[in-house]
Amino acid sequence: MLLLISRVPRDLHPRLLRSFTAVAETLHFGRAAARLHLAQQAVSRDVRALERDLGCPLFHRSTRSVELTEAGAALLPKARQLLALQAEITALGDTRALLVDVNSPGGDRELTAERVLSAARLRCPETELLARYQGGLTAAAQELAAHRLDVSFGRYAGLPAVVRSRLAHTPVRLEPVAVFLPLGHPLAGLAAVPLAALDGHPVDVFAGQPDTAEWTDLGLRLLAEHGLAAAPARTPPVGAAEFARYLVRHGSPVLTTTGGPDIPGAVARPLVDPVPLSLVGLVHRPDLRHPGLAALREAAAELAAAEGWLERPPGSWLPAEDAALLRR
């Protein structure tokens, strides 16, 4: 360890620490490269350069595994501190607007993402946070990767693994799942709809909308685990008025979350026995450095603590992949 401390070069490039930290956190050079949007050879080269500069190995490598050495384990917390400090310094000079996707406007009601955005604007009034309406996290993830969008909200666990590996995620809220029903539907008079009552009423999970594939995935999992049927894939509507016509025309319950916008001629009824949940997260590129991002995270954490957004009700239903994100 004395050798490590005594041989730290005067001009240690943050890129080397970033590659080292990614490998240390994933224990896999390929996954680290995907996280950093670099070639695996570039990450390996950075780690070797850092080991050469420090004069000691940082990883035990074999054909099957990668493990930190004692020196690597000692370096990791320090590397994280240095990278965090660099991010804070870099963010001080970033005055551009932060593009924040809140999926869709909530109308008279502020949805989760809109509430976080409003609270962040109050916390950081000198920073411009611009709302965008991408319509779904699957579509937003492509815009994030292309740097045409900075932050989005949605069900991160429903994205493909390769996409998740290139994004950072912070859990924000466990939202109870509900169904929209046209007023004449047999279940519309219930205050809450037991999942078993949906037997014989195929549920629309917007399987015809590729932009919200993460939501369709949640719906199909829920229905399959409870022996329920999904409605056929249909071209989805856009806007409240078109949604109202869509409900009347097809008559199927449509999966949604509680607290959503009002739809003319329809009611939203929460699902129970058990209560299905959707984990909404804040999603962005791992390399994003902007004061508005910190404001969004702080606002989300404050709202979650004040209103119990991440408290899971007993006996509720949540996919295992989403539950694992809460334990990280």
C-alpha atoms as a PDB file:
ATOM      1  CA  MET A   1       0.000   0.000   0.000  1.00  0.00           C
ATOM      2  CA  LEU A   2       2.947   2.353   0.651  1.00  0.00           C
ATOM      3  CA  LEU A   3       4.061   1.668  -2.895  1.00  0.00           C
ATOM      4  CA  LEU A   4       0.616   2.684  -4.178  1.00  0.00           C
ATOM      5  CA  ILE A   5       0.664   5.959  -2.259  1.00  0.00           C
ATOM      6  CA  SER A   6       4.254   6.851  -3.064  1.00  0.00           C
ATOM      7  CA  ARG A   7       3.973   6.353  -6.809  1.00  0.00           C
ATOM      8  CA  VAL A   8       0.763   8.293  -7.603  1.00  0.00           C
ATOM      9  CA  PRO A   9       1.648  10.343 -10.712  1.00  0.00           C
ATOM     10  CA  ARG A  10       1.338  14.104 -10.639  1.00  0.00           C
ATOM     11  CA  ASP A  11      -1.020  14.202 -13.639  1.00  0.00           C
ATOM     12  CA  LEU A  12      -3.419  11.300 -13.100  1.00  0.00           C
ATOM     13  CA  HIS A  13      -6.088  11.501 -15.825  1.00  0.00           C
ATOM     14  CA  PRO A  14      -9.696  11.103 -14.561  1.00  0.00           C
ATOM     15  CA  ARG A  15     -10.410   8.800 -17.522  1.00  0.00           C
ATOM     16  CA  LEU A  16      -8.158   6.152 -16.009  1.00  0.00           C
ATOM     17  CA  LEU A  17      -9.987   6.350 -12.690  1.00  0.00           C
ATOM     18  CA  ARG A  18     -13.338   6.199 -14.472  1.00  0.00           C
ATOM     19  CA  SER A  19     -12.384   3.006 -16.292  1.00  0.00           C
ATOM     20  CA  PHE A  20     -10.969   1.496 -13.095  1.00  0.00           C
ATOM     21  CA  THR A  21     -14.127   2.349 -11.127  1.00  0.00           C
ATOM     22  CA  ALA A  22     -16.430   0.880 -13.778  1.00  0.00           C
ATOM     23  CA  VAL A  23     -14.494  -2.399 -13.794  1.00  0.00           C
ATOM     24  CA  ALA A  24     -14.328  -2.447  -9.973  1.00  0.00           C
ATOM     25  CA  GLU A  25     -18.108  -1.988  -9.705  1.00  0.00           C
ATOM     26  CA  THR A  26     -19.057  -4.524 -12.394  1.00  0.00           C
ATOM     27  CA  LEU A  27     -16.091  -6.925 -12.017  1.00  0.00           C
ATOM     28  CA  HIS A  28     -16.362  -7.373 -15.752  1.00  0.00           C
ATOM     29  CA  PHE A  29     -14.419  -5.534 -18.463  1.00  0.00           C
ATOM     30  CA  GLY A  30     -17.158  -5.970 -21.070  1.00  0.00           C
ATOM     31  CA  ARG A  31     -19.938  -4.586 -18.838  1.00  0.00           C
ATOM     32  CA  ALA A  32     -17.673  -1.744 -17.738  1.00  0.00           C
ATOM     33  CA  ALA A  33     -17.024  -0.855 -21.373  1.00  0.00           C
ATOM     34  CA  ALA A  34     -20.758  -0.875 -22.142  1.00  0.00           C
ATOM     35  CA  ARG A  35     -21.431   1.402 -19.160  1.00  0.00           C
ATOM     36  CA  LEU A  36     -18.802   3.873 -20.364  1.00  0.00           C
ATOM     37  CA  HIS A  37     -19.722   3.590 -24.076  1.00  0.00           C
ATOM     38  CA  LEU A  38     -16.140   2.559 -24.850  1.00  0.00           C
ATOM     39  CA  ALA A  39     -14.519  -0.392 -26.558  1.00  0.00           C
ATOM     40  CA  GLN A  40     -13.438  -3.115 -24.142  1.00  0.00           C
ATOM     41  CA  GLN A  41      -9.862  -2.746 -25.397  1.00  0.00           C
ATOM     42  CA  ALA A  42      -9.881   0.937 -24.403  1.00  0.00           C
ATOM     43  CA  VAL A  43     -11.015   0.114 -20.859  1.00  0.00           C
ATOM     44  CA  SER A  44      -8.361  -2.600 -20.536  1.00  0.00           C
ATOM     45  CA  ARG A  45      -5.736  -0.164 -21.798  1.00  0.00           C
ATOM     46  CA  ASP A  46      -6.803   2.470 -19.247  1.00  0.00           C
ATOM     47  CA  VAL A  47      -6.631  -0.007 -16.364  1.00  0.00           C
ATOM     48  CA  ARG A  48      -3.199  -1.226 -17.429  1.00  0.00           C
ATOM     49  CA  ALA A  49      -1.979   2.376 -17.687  1.00  0.00           C
ATOM     50  CA  LEU A  50      -3.272   3.127 -14.188  1.00  0.00           C
ATOM     51  CA  GLU A  51      -1.617  -0.001 -12.788  1.00  0.00           C
ATOM     52  CA  ARG A  52       1.635   0.999 -14.486  1.00  0.00           C
ATOM     53  CA  ASP A  53       1.447   4.534 -13.104  1.00  0.00           C
ATOM     54  CA  LEU A  54       0.685   3.300  -9.568  1.00  0.00           C
ATOM     55  CA  GLY A  55       3.197   0.495  -9.664  1.00  0.00           C
ATOM     56  CA  CYS A  56       0.899  -2.313  -8.523  1.00  0.00           C
ATOM     57  CA  PRO A  57      -1.879  -4.585  -9.850  1.00  0.00           C
ATOM     58  CA  LEU A  58      -5.445  -3.481  -9.125  1.00  0.00           C
ATOM     59  CA  PHE A  59      -7.245  -6.654 -10.267  1.00  0.00           C
ATOM     60  CA  HIS A  60      -6.739 -10.389 -10.148  1.00  0.00           C
ATOM     61  CA  ARG A  61      -7.702 -11.560 -13.648  1.00  0.00           C
ATOM     62  CA  SER A  62      -8.555 -15.015 -14.869  1.00  0.00           C
ATOM     63  CA  THR A  63     -10.460 -16.388 -17.846  1.00  0.00           C
ATOM     64  CA  ARG A  64     -13.580 -16.653 -15.670  1.00  0.00           C
ATOM     65  CA  SER A  65     -13.436 -13.841 -13.132  1.00  0.00           C
ATOM     66  CA  VAL A  66     -12.126 -10.402 -12.226  1.00  0.00           C
ATOM     67  CA  GLU A  67     -11.457  -9.527  -8.577  1.00  0.00           C
ATOM     68  CA  LEU A  68     -10.010  -6.509  -6.832  1.00  0.00           C
ATOM     69  CA  THR A  69      -6.584  -6.793  -5.271  1.00  0.00           C
ATOM     70  CA  GLU A  70      -5.955  -5.304  -1.837  1.00  0.00           C
ATOM     71  CA  ALA A  71      -4.573  -2.190  -3.526  1.00  0.00           C
ATOM     72  CA  GLY A  72      -7.594  -2.009  -5.854  1.00  0.00           C
ATOM     73  CA  ALA A  73     -10.029  -2.253  -2.942  1.00  0.00           C
ATOM     74  CA  ALA A  74      -8.173   0.555  -1.155  1.00  0.00           C
ATOM     75  CA  LEU A  75      -8.186   2.744  -4.265  1.00  0.00           C
ATOM     76  CA  LEU A  76     -11.899   2.355  -5.122  1.00  0.00           C
ATOM     77  CA  PRO A  77     -13.413   4.716  -2.466  1.00  0.00           C
ATOM     78  CA  LYS A  78     -10.740   7.312  -3.200  1.00  0.00           C
ATOM     79  CA  ALA A  79     -11.368   7.077  -6.932  1.00  0.00           C
ATOM     80  CA  ARG A  80     -15.092   7.565  -6.354  1.00  0.00           C
ATOM     81  CA  GLN A  81     -14.404  10.655  -4.241  1.00  0.00           C
ATOM     82  CA  LEU A  82     -12.122  12.167  -6.890  1.00  0.00           C
ATOM     83  CA  LEU A  83     -14.606  11.490  -9.692  1.00  0.00           C
ATOM     84  CA  ALA A  84     -17.459  12.964  -7.656  1.00  0.00           C
ATOM     85  CA  LEU A  85     -15.390  16.076  -6.961  1.00  0.00           C
ATOM     86  CA  GLN A  86     -14.549  16.404 -10.652  1.00  0.00           C
ATOM     87  CA  ALA A  87     -18.251  16.094 -11.504  1.00  0.00           C
ATOM     88  CA  GLU A  88     -19.137  18.875  -9.044  1.00  0.00           C
ATOM     89  CA  ILE A  89     -16.450  21.152 -10.468  1.00  0.00           C
ATOM     90  CA  THR A  90     -17.474  20.418 -14.062  1.00  0.00           C
ATOM     91  CA  ALA A  91     -21.149  21.030 -13.282  1.00  0.00           C
ATOM     92  CA  LEU A  92     -20.405  24.528 -11.975  1.00  0.00           C
ATOM     93  CA  GLY A  93     -19.712  25.681 -15.501  1.00  0.00           C
ATOM     94  CA  ASP A  94     -22.633  23.936 -17.178  1.00  0.00           C
ATOM     95  CA  THR A  95     -25.277  26.576 -17.849  1.00  0.00           C
ATOM     96  CA  ARG A  96     -27.135  24.877 -20.688  1.00  0.00           C
ATOM     97  CA  ALA A  97     -30.755  23.837 -20.242  1.00  0.00           C
ATOM     98  CA  LEU A  98     -31.348  20.308 -18.956  1.00  0.00           C
ATOM     99  CA  LEU A  99     -33.859  18.416 -21.105  1.00  0.00           C
ATOM    100  CA  VAL A 100     -36.165  16.404 -18.823  1.00  0.00           C
ATOM    101  CA  ASP A 101     -38.663  13.914 -20.235  1.00  0.00           C
ATOM    102  CA  VAL A 102     -41.787  13.619 -18.073  1.00  0.00           C
ATOM    103  CA  ASN A 103     -43.395  11.122 -20.515  1.00  0.00           C
ATOM    104  CA  SER A 104     -46.678  12.995 -21.069  1.00  0.00           C
ATOM    105  CA  PRO A 105     -48.467  16.048 -19.657  1.00  0.00           C
ATOM    106  CA  GLY A 106     -50.752  15.189 -16.759  1.00  0.00           C
ATOM    107  CA  GLY A 107     -53.353  17.851 -17.510  1.00  0.00           C
ATOM    108  CA  ASP A 108     -54.942  19.150 -14.313  1.00  0.00           C
ATOM    109  CA  ARG A 109     -52.949  16.687 -12.205  1.00  0.00           C
ATOM    110  CA  GLU A 110     -49.197  16.647 -11.828  1.00  0.00           C
ATOM    111  CA  LEU A 111     -47.865  13.143 -12.370  1.00  0.00           C
ATOM    112  CA  THR A 112     -44.811  11.839 -10.508  1.00  0.00           C
ATOM    113  CA  ALA A 113     -42.249  13.137 -12.985  1.00  0.00           C
ATOM    114  CA  GLU A 114     -43.934  16.542 -13.179  1.00  0.00           C
ATOM    115  CA  ARG A 115     -43.951  16.833  -9.390  1.00  0.00           C
ATOM    116  CA  VAL A 116     -40.242  16.032  -9.204  1.00  0.00           C
ATOM    117  CA  LEU A 117     -39.510  18.532 -11.973  1.00  0.00           C
ATOM    118  CA  SER A 118     -41.538  21.275 -10.237  1.00  0.00           C
ATOM    119  CA  ALA A 119     -39.753  20.662  -6.933  1.00  0.00           C
ATOM    120  CA  ALA A 120     -36.350  20.655  -8.642  1.00  0.00           C
ATOM    121  CA  ARG A 121     -37.077  24.005 -10.285  1.00  0.00           C
ATOM    122  CA  LEU A 122     -37.748  25.473  -6.841  1.00  0.00           C
ATOM    123  CA  ARG A 123     -34.507  24.023  -5.484  1.00  0.00           C
ATOM    124  CA  CYS A 124     -32.404  25.250  -8.395  1.00  0.00           C
ATOM    125  CA  PRO A 125     -34.092  28.379  -9.834  1.00  0.00           C
ATOM    126  CA  GLU A 126     -30.927  29.576 -11.570  1.00  0.00           C
ATOM    127  CA  THR A 127     -30.828  26.432 -13.741  1.00  0.00           C
ATOM    128  CA  GLU A 128     -33.118  25.974 -16.739  1.00  0.00           C
ATOM    129  CA  LEU A 129     -34.975  22.654 -16.705  1.00  0.00           C
ATOM    130  CA  LEU A 130     -37.001  22.114 -19.883  1.00  0.00           C
ATOM    131  CA  ALA A 131     -39.793  19.533 -19.971  1.00  0.00           C
ATOM    132  CA  ARG A 132     -40.099  17.112 -22.859  1.00  0.00           C
ATOM    133  CA  TYR A 133     -42.880  14.610 -23.583  1.00  0.00           C
ATOM    134  CA  GLN A 134     -41.353  11.509 -25.128  1.00  0.00           C
ATOM    135  CA  GLY A 135     -44.283   9.256 -24.254  1.00  0.00           C
ATOM    136  CA  GLY A 136     -42.392   6.240 -22.898  1.00  0.00           C
ATOM    137  CA  LEU A 137     -39.048   5.214 -21.432  1.00  0.00           C
ATOM    138  CA  THR A 138     -38.261   2.794 -24.263  1.00  0.00           C
ATOM    139  CA  ALA A 139     -38.379   5.656 -26.750  1.00  0.00           C
ATOM    140  CA  ALA A 140     -36.683   8.039 -24.322  1.00  0.00           C
ATOM    141  CA  ALA A 141     -33.746   5.641 -23.843  1.00  0.00           C
ATOM    142  CA  GLN A 142     -32.858   6.033 -27.511  1.00  0.00           C
ATOM    143  CA  GLU A 143     -32.927   9.809 -27.152  1.00  0.00           C
ATOM    144  CA  LEU A 144     -30.772   9.624 -24.017  1.00  0.00           C
ATOM    145  CA  ALA A 145     -28.168   7.534 -25.827  1.00  0.00           C
ATOM    146  CA  ALA A 146     -28.129  10.012 -28.718  1.00  0.00           C
ATOM    147  CA  HIS A 147     -27.694  12.971 -26.306  1.00  0.00           C
ATOM    148  CA  ARG A 148     -30.935  14.523 -27.546  1.00  0.00           C
ATOM    149  CA  LEU A 149     -32.404  14.135 -24.042  1.00  0.00           C
ATOM    150  CA  ASP A 150     -30.792  14.278 -20.591  1.00  0.00           C
ATOM    151  CA  VAL A 151     -33.187  12.721 -18.079  1.00  0.00           C
ATOM    152  CA  SER A 152     -36.309  10.587 -18.239  1.00  0.00           C
ATOM    153  CA  PHE A 153     -38.637   8.781 -15.855  1.00  0.00           C
ATOM    154  CA  GLY A 154     -40.131   5.322 -16.131  1.00  0.00           C
ATOM    155  CA  ARG A 155     -39.803   1.605 -15.485  1.00  0.00           C
ATOM    156  CA  TYR A 156     -36.071   0.987 -15.890  1.00  0.00           C
ATOM    157  CA  ALA A 157     -36.363  -2.777 -15.194  1.00  0.00           C
ATOM    158  CA  GLY A 158     -38.503  -3.133 -18.338  1.00  0.00           C
ATOM    159  CA  LEU A 159     -35.675  -2.023 -20.644  1.00  0.00           C
ATOM    160  CA  PRO A 160     -33.436  -4.602 -22.366  1.00  0.00           C
ATOM    161  CA  ALA A 161     -30.320  -5.479 -20.353  1.00  0.00           C
ATOM    162  CA  VAL A 162     -27.977  -3.972 -22.936  1.00  0.00           C
ATOM    163  CA  VAL A 163     -29.861  -0.665 -22.734  1.00  0.00           C
ATOM    164  CA  ARG A 164     -29.889  -0.693 -18.919  1.00  0.00           C
ATOM    165  CA  SER A 165     -26.123  -1.212 -18.859  1.00  0.00           C
ATOM    166  CA  ARG A 166     -25.661   2.160 -20.542  1.00  0.00           C
ATOM    167  CA  LEU A 167     -27.925   4.114 -18.215  1.00  0.00           C
ATOM    168  CA  ALA A 168     -27.949   5.138 -14.556  1.00  0.00           C
ATOM    169  CA  HIS A 169     -31.064   4.673 -12.448  1.00  0.00           C
ATOM    170  CA  THR A 170     -32.430   6.062  -9.173  1.00  0.00           C
ATOM    171  CA  PRO A 171     -35.680   4.610  -7.738  1.00  0.00           C
ATOM    172  CA  VAL A 172     -38.280   7.353  -7.261  1.00  0.00           C
ATOM    173  CA  ARG A 173     -41.738   5.955  -6.565  1.00  0.00           C
ATOM    174  CA  LEU A 174     -43.774   2.778  -6.295  1.00  0.00           C
ATOM    175  CA  GLU A 175     -46.990   3.632  -8.134  1.00  0.00           C
ATOM    176  CA  PRO A 176     -50.122   1.469  -7.633  1.00  0.00           C
ATOM    177  CA  VAL A 177     -51.518   0.095 -10.875  1.00  0.00           C
ATOM    178  CA  ALA A 178     -55.113   0.742 -11.953  1.00  0.00           C
ATOM    179  CA  VAL A 179     -57.376   0.237 -14.960  1.00  0.00           C
ATOM    180  CA  PHE A 180     -59.293   2.740 -17.054  1.00  0.00           C
ATOM    181  CA  LEU A 181     -62.854   1.584 -17.725  1.00  0.00           C
ATOM    182  CA  PRO A 182     -65.560   3.103 -19.921  1.00  0.00           C
ATOM    183  CA  LEU A 183     -68.513   4.190 -17.782  1.00  0.00           C
ATOM    184  CA  GLY A 184     -70.722   1.403 -19.096  1.00  0.00           C
ATOM    185  CA  HIS A 185     -68.270  -1.379 -18.252  1.00  0.00           C
ATOM    186  CA  PRO A 186     -69.553  -4.020 -15.754  1.00  0.00           C
ATOM    187  CA  LEU A 187     -66.610  -3.282 -13.408  1.00  0.00           C
ATOM    188  CA  ALA A 188     -66.902   0.515 -13.548  1.00  0.00           C
ATOM    189  CA  GLY A 189     -69.196   0.658 -10.512  1.00  0.00           C
ATOM    190  CA  LEU A 190     -66.608  -0.905  -8.204  1.00  0.00           C
ATOM    191  CA  ALA A 191     -64.512   1.337  -5.961  1.00  0.00           C
ATOM    192  CA  ALA A 192     -61.550  -0.986  -6.540  1.00  0.00           C
ATOM    193  CA  VAL A 193     -61.174  -3.914  -8.924  1.00  0.00           C
ATOM    194  CA  PRO A 194     -59.827  -7.234  -7.577  1.00  0.00           C
ATOM    195  CA  LEU A 195     -57.458  -8.805 -10.068  1.00  0.00           C
ATOM    196  CA  ALA A 196     -59.616 -11.939 -10.133  1.00  0.00           C
ATOM    197  CA  ALA A 197     -62.562  -9.844 -11.343  1.00  0.00           C
ATOM    198  CA  LEU A 198     -60.688  -9.195 -14.597  1.00  0.00           C
ATOM    199  CA  ASP A 199     -61.134 -12.831 -15.573  1.00  0.00           C
ATOM    200  CA  GLY A 200     -63.109 -12.755 -18.811  1.00  0.00           C
ATOM    201  CA  HIS A 201     -62.194  -9.094 -19.428  1.00  0.00           C
ATOM    202  CA  PRO A 202     -58.974  -9.022 -21.525  1.00  0.00           C
ATOM    203  CA  VAL A 203     -56.805  -6.110 -20.435  1.00  0.00           C
ATOM    204  CA  ASP A 204     -55.228  -3.652 -22.858  1.00  0.00           C
ATOM    205  CA  VAL A 205     -51.520  -3.186 -22.013  1.00  0.00           C
ATOM    206  CA  PHE A 206     -50.742  -1.057 -25.091  1.00  0.00           C
ATOM    207  CA  ALA A 207     -48.978  -3.950 -26.789  1.00  0.00           C
ATOM    208  CA  GLY A 208     -49.237  -2.014 -30.055  1.00  0.00           C
ATOM    209  CA  GLN A 209     -47.096   0.861 -28.732  1.00  0.00           C
ATOM    210  CA  PRO A 210     -43.336   0.181 -29.110  1.00  0.00           C
ATOM    211  CA  ASP A 211     -42.427   3.447 -27.349  1.00  0.00           C
ATOM    212  CA  THR A 212     -43.762   2.067 -24.046  1.00  0.00           C
ATOM    213  CA  ALA A 213     -42.519  -1.523 -24.281  1.00  0.00           C
ATOM    214  CA  GLU A 214     -41.351  -1.341 -20.647  1.00  0.00           C
ATOM    215  CA  TRP A 215     -44.970  -0.754 -19.570  1.00  0.00           C
ATOM    216  CA  THR A 216     -46.320  -3.512 -21.802  1.00  0.00           C
ATOM    217  CA  ASP A 217     -43.767  -5.859 -20.228  1.00  0.00           C
ATOM    218  CA  LEU A 218     -45.094  -5.025 -16.750  1.00  0.00           C
ATOM    219  CA  GLY A 219     -48.680  -5.601 -17.837  1.00  0.00           C
ATOM    220  CA  LEU A 220     -47.984  -8.936 -19.527  1.00  0.00           C
ATOM    221  CA  ARG A 221     -46.092 -10.167 -16.458  1.00  0.00           C
ATOM    222  CA  LEU A 222     -48.949  -9.150 -14.175  1.00  0.00           C
ATOM    223  CA  LEU A 223     -51.600 -10.832 -16.309  1.00  0.00           C
ATOM    224  CA  ALA A 224     -49.583 -14.009 -16.862  1.00  0.00           C
ATOM    225  CA  GLU A 225     -48.838 -14.478 -13.159  1.00  0.00           C
ATOM    226  CA  HIS A 226     -52.534 -14.134 -12.284  1.00  0.00           C
ATOM    227  CA  GLY A 227     -53.958 -16.207 -15.117  1.00  0.00           C
ATOM    228  CA  LEU A 228     -55.528 -13.265 -16.946  1.00  0.00           C
ATOM    229  CA  ALA A 229     -55.748 -12.459 -20.656  1.00  0.00           C
ATOM    230  CA  ALA A 230     -54.327  -9.535 -22.581  1.00  0.00           C
ATOM    231  CA  ALA A 231     -56.360  -7.697 -25.206  1.00  0.00           C
ATOM    232  CA  PRO A 232     -55.104  -7.787 -28.806  1.00  0.00           C
ATOM    233  CA  ALA A 233     -52.391  -5.314 -29.802  1.00  0.00           C
ATOM    234  CA  ARG A 234     -53.964  -2.190 -31.258  1.00  0.00           C
ATOM    235  CA  THR A 235     -52.724   1.142 -32.560  1.00  0.00           C
ATOM    236  CA  PRO A 236     -52.751   3.321 -29.418  1.00  0.00           C
ATOM    237  CA  PRO A 237     -54.509   6.688 -29.152  1.00  0.00           C
ATOM    238  CA  VAL A 238     -52.809  10.040 -28.544  1.00  0.00           C
ATOM    239  CA  GLY A 239     -54.422  12.608 -26.241  1.00  0.00           C
ATOM    240  CA  ALA A 240     -57.304  12.437 -23.775  1.00  0.00           C
ATOM    241  CA  ALA A 241     -60.079  12.899 -26.351  1.00  0.00           C
ATOM    242  CA  GLU A 242     -58.746  10.141 -28.597  1.00  0.00           C
ATOM    243  CA  PHE A 243     -58.195   7.922 -25.564  1.00  0.00           C
ATOM    244  CA  ALA A 244     -61.868   8.375 -24.598  1.00  0.00           C
ATOM    245  CA  ARG A 245     -62.975   7.313 -28.089  1.00  0.00           C
ATOM    246  CA  TYR A 246     -60.574   4.358 -27.977  1.00  0.00           C
ATOM    247  CA  LEU A 247     -62.062   3.124 -24.692  1.00  0.00           C
ATOM    248  CA  VAL A 248     -65.624   3.329 -25.970  1.00  0.00           C
ATOM    249  CA  ARG A 249     -64.790   1.678 -29.282  1.00  0.00           C
ATOM    250  CA  HIS A 250     -62.907  -1.318 -27.859  1.00  0.00           C
ATOM    251  CA  GLY A 251     -64.411  -1.561 -24.364  1.00  0.00           C
ATOM    252  CA  SER A 252     -61.380  -3.250 -22.817  1.00  0.00           C
ATOM    253  CA  PRO A 253     -59.944  -2.248 -19.425  1.00  0.00           C
ATOM    254  CA  VAL A 254     -56.719  -0.342 -20.059  1.00  0.00           C
ATOM    255  CA  LEU A 255     -53.832  -0.685 -17.621  1.00  0.00           C
ATOM    256  CA  THR A 256     -52.678   2.597 -16.052  1.00  0.00           C
ATOM    257  CA  THR A 257     -51.480   3.941 -12.697  1.00  0.00           C
ATOM    258  CA  THR A 258     -53.481   5.682 -10.010  1.00  0.00           C
ATOM    259  CA  GLY A 259     -53.446   9.465  -9.947  1.00  0.00           C
ATOM    260  CA  GLY A 260     -53.347   9.837 -13.705  1.00  0.00           C
ATOM    261  CA  PRO A 261     -55.217  12.342 -15.885  1.00  0.00           C
ATOM    262  CA  ASP A 262     -59.010  12.334 -16.130  1.00  0.00           C
ATOM    263  CA  ILE A 263     -60.443  10.756 -19.298  1.00  0.00           C
ATOM    264  CA  PRO A 264     -63.913  11.908 -20.430  1.00  0.00           C
ATOM    265  CA  GLY A 265     -66.501   9.134 -20.208  1.00  0.00           C
ATOM    266  CA  ALA A 266     -64.190   6.851 -18.243  1.00  0.00           C
ATOM    267  CA  VAL A 267     -63.176   6.050 -14.671  1.00  0.00           C
ATOM    268  CA  ALA A 268     -59.880   4.844 -13.224  1.00  0.00           C
ATOM    269  CA  ARG A 269     -60.200   2.088 -10.638  1.00  0.00           C
ATOM    270  CA  PRO A 270     -57.261   0.814  -8.544  1.00  0.00           C
ATOM    271  CA  LEU A 271     -56.414  -2.877  -8.738  1.00  0.00           C
ATOM    272  CA  VAL A 272     -56.334  -4.865  -5.495  1.00  0.00           C
ATOM    273  CA  ASP A 273     -55.877  -8.382  -4.103  1.00  0.00           C
ATOM    274  CA  PRO A 274     -52.942  -7.955  -4.512  1.00  0.00           C
ATOM    275  CA  VAL A 275     -52.079  -4.320  -5.247  1.00  0.00           C
ATOM    276  CA  PRO A 276     -49.800  -4.328  -8.336  1.00  0.00           C
ATOM    277  CA  LEU A 277     -46.980  -1.779  -8.274  1.00  0.00           C
ATOM    278  CA  SER A 278     -44.850  -0.102 -10.912  1.00  0.00           C
ATOM    279  CA  LEU A 279     -41.415   1.213  -9.918  1.00  0.00           C
ATOM    280  CA  VAL A 280     -40.840   4.623 -11.493  1.00  0.00           C
ATOM    281  CA  GLY A 281     -37.206   5.637 -11.651  1.00  0.00           C
ATOM    282  CA  LEU A 282     -35.109   8.622 -12.687  1.00  0.00           C
ATOM    283  CA  VAL A 283     -32.946   7.554 -15.638  1.00  0.00           C
ATOM    284  CA  HIS A 284     -29.984   9.300 -17.277  1.00  0.00           C
ATOM    285  CA  ARG A 285     -26.587   8.708 -18.871  1.00  0.00           C
ATOM    286  CA  PRO A 286     -23.930   7.774 -16.287  1.00  0.00           C
ATOM    287  CA  ASP A 287     -21.613  10.507 -17.538  1.00  0.00           C
ATOM    288  CA  LEU A 288     -24.179  13.323 -17.202  1.00  0.00           C
ATOM    289  CA  ARG A 289     -22.751  16.241 -15.203  1.00  0.00           C
ATOM    290  CA  HIS A 290     -25.237  19.069 -14.598  1.00  0.00           C
ATOM    291  CA  PRO A 291     -26.468  20.939 -11.498  1.00  0.00           C
ATOM    292  CA  GLY A 292     -30.056  20.266 -12.571  1.00  0.00           C
ATOM    293  CA  LEU A 293     -29.516  16.516 -12.218  1.00  0.00           C
ATOM    294  CA  ALA A 294     -28.544  16.941  -8.565  1.00  0.00           C
ATOM    295  CA  ALA A 295     -31.648  19.092  -8.029  1.00  0.00           C
ATOM    296  CA  LEU A 296     -33.873  16.393  -9.568  1.00  0.00           C
ATOM    297  CA  ARG A 297     -32.348  13.678  -7.397  1.00  0.00           C
ATOM    298  CA  GLU A 298     -32.682  15.754  -4.236  1.00  0.00           C
ATOM    299  CA  ALA A 299     -36.283  16.695  -5.060  1.00  0.00           C
ATOM    300  CA  ALA A 300     -37.187  13.055  -5.727  1.00  0.00           C
ATOM    301  CA  ALA A 301     -35.586  11.923  -2.452  1.00  0.00           C
ATOM    302  CA  GLU A 302     -37.376  14.641  -0.491  1.00  0.00           C
ATOM    303  CA  LEU A 303     -40.788  13.804  -1.956  1.00  0.00           C
ATOM    304  CA  ALA A 304     -40.211  10.082  -1.449  1.00  0.00           C
ATOM    305  CA  ALA A 305     -39.330  10.610   2.215  1.00  0.00           C
ATOM    306  CA  ALA A 306     -42.224  12.997   2.870  1.00  0.00           C
ATOM    307  CA  GLU A 307     -44.907  10.928   1.128  1.00  0.00           C
ATOM    308  CA  GLY A 308     -43.628   7.368   1.478  1.00  0.00           C
ATOM    309  CA  TRP A 309     -43.148   6.923  -2.245  1.00  0.00           C
ATOM    310  CA  LEU A 310     -40.804   3.950  -1.862  1.00  0.00           C
ATOM    311  CA  GLU A 311     -42.652   2.176   0.949  1.00  0.00           C
ATOM    312  CA  ARG A 312     -43.981  -1.119  -0.359  1.00  0.00           C
ATOM    313  CA  PRO A 313     -47.424  -2.123   0.977  1.00  0.00           C
ATOM    314  CA  PRO A 314     -47.616  -5.604   2.542  1.00  0.00           C
ATOM    315  CA  GLY A 315     -48.793  -8.274   0.125  1.00  0.00           C
ATOM    316  CA  SER A 316     -48.319  -6.087  -2.951  1.00  0.00           C
ATOM    317  CA  TRP A 317     -47.135  -7.414  -6.327  1.00  0.00           C
ATOM    318  CA  LEU A 318     -43.895  -6.206  -7.901  1.00  0.00           C
ATOM    319  CA  PRO A 319     -41.758  -8.019 -10.493  1.00  0.00           C
ATOM    320  CA  ALA A 320     -38.550  -9.494  -9.057  1.00  0.00           C
ATOM    321  CA  GLU A 321     -36.395  -7.349 -11.369  1.00  0.00           C
ATOM    322  CA  ASP A 322     -37.976  -4.171  -9.999  1.00  0.00           C
ATOM    323  CA  ALA A 323     -37.747  -5.357  -6.389  1.00  0.00           C
ATOM    324  CA  ALA A 324     -34.013  -5.993  -6.867  1.00  0.00           C
ATOM    325  CA  LEU A 325     -33.524  -2.326  -7.808  1.00  0.00           C
ATOM    326  CA  LEU A 326     -34.905  -1.262  -4.447  1.00  0.00           C
ATOM    327  CA  ARG A 327     -32.296  -3.352  -2.628  1.00  0.00           C
ATOM    328  CA  ARG A 328     -29.286  -1.813  -4.367  1.00  0.00           C
END
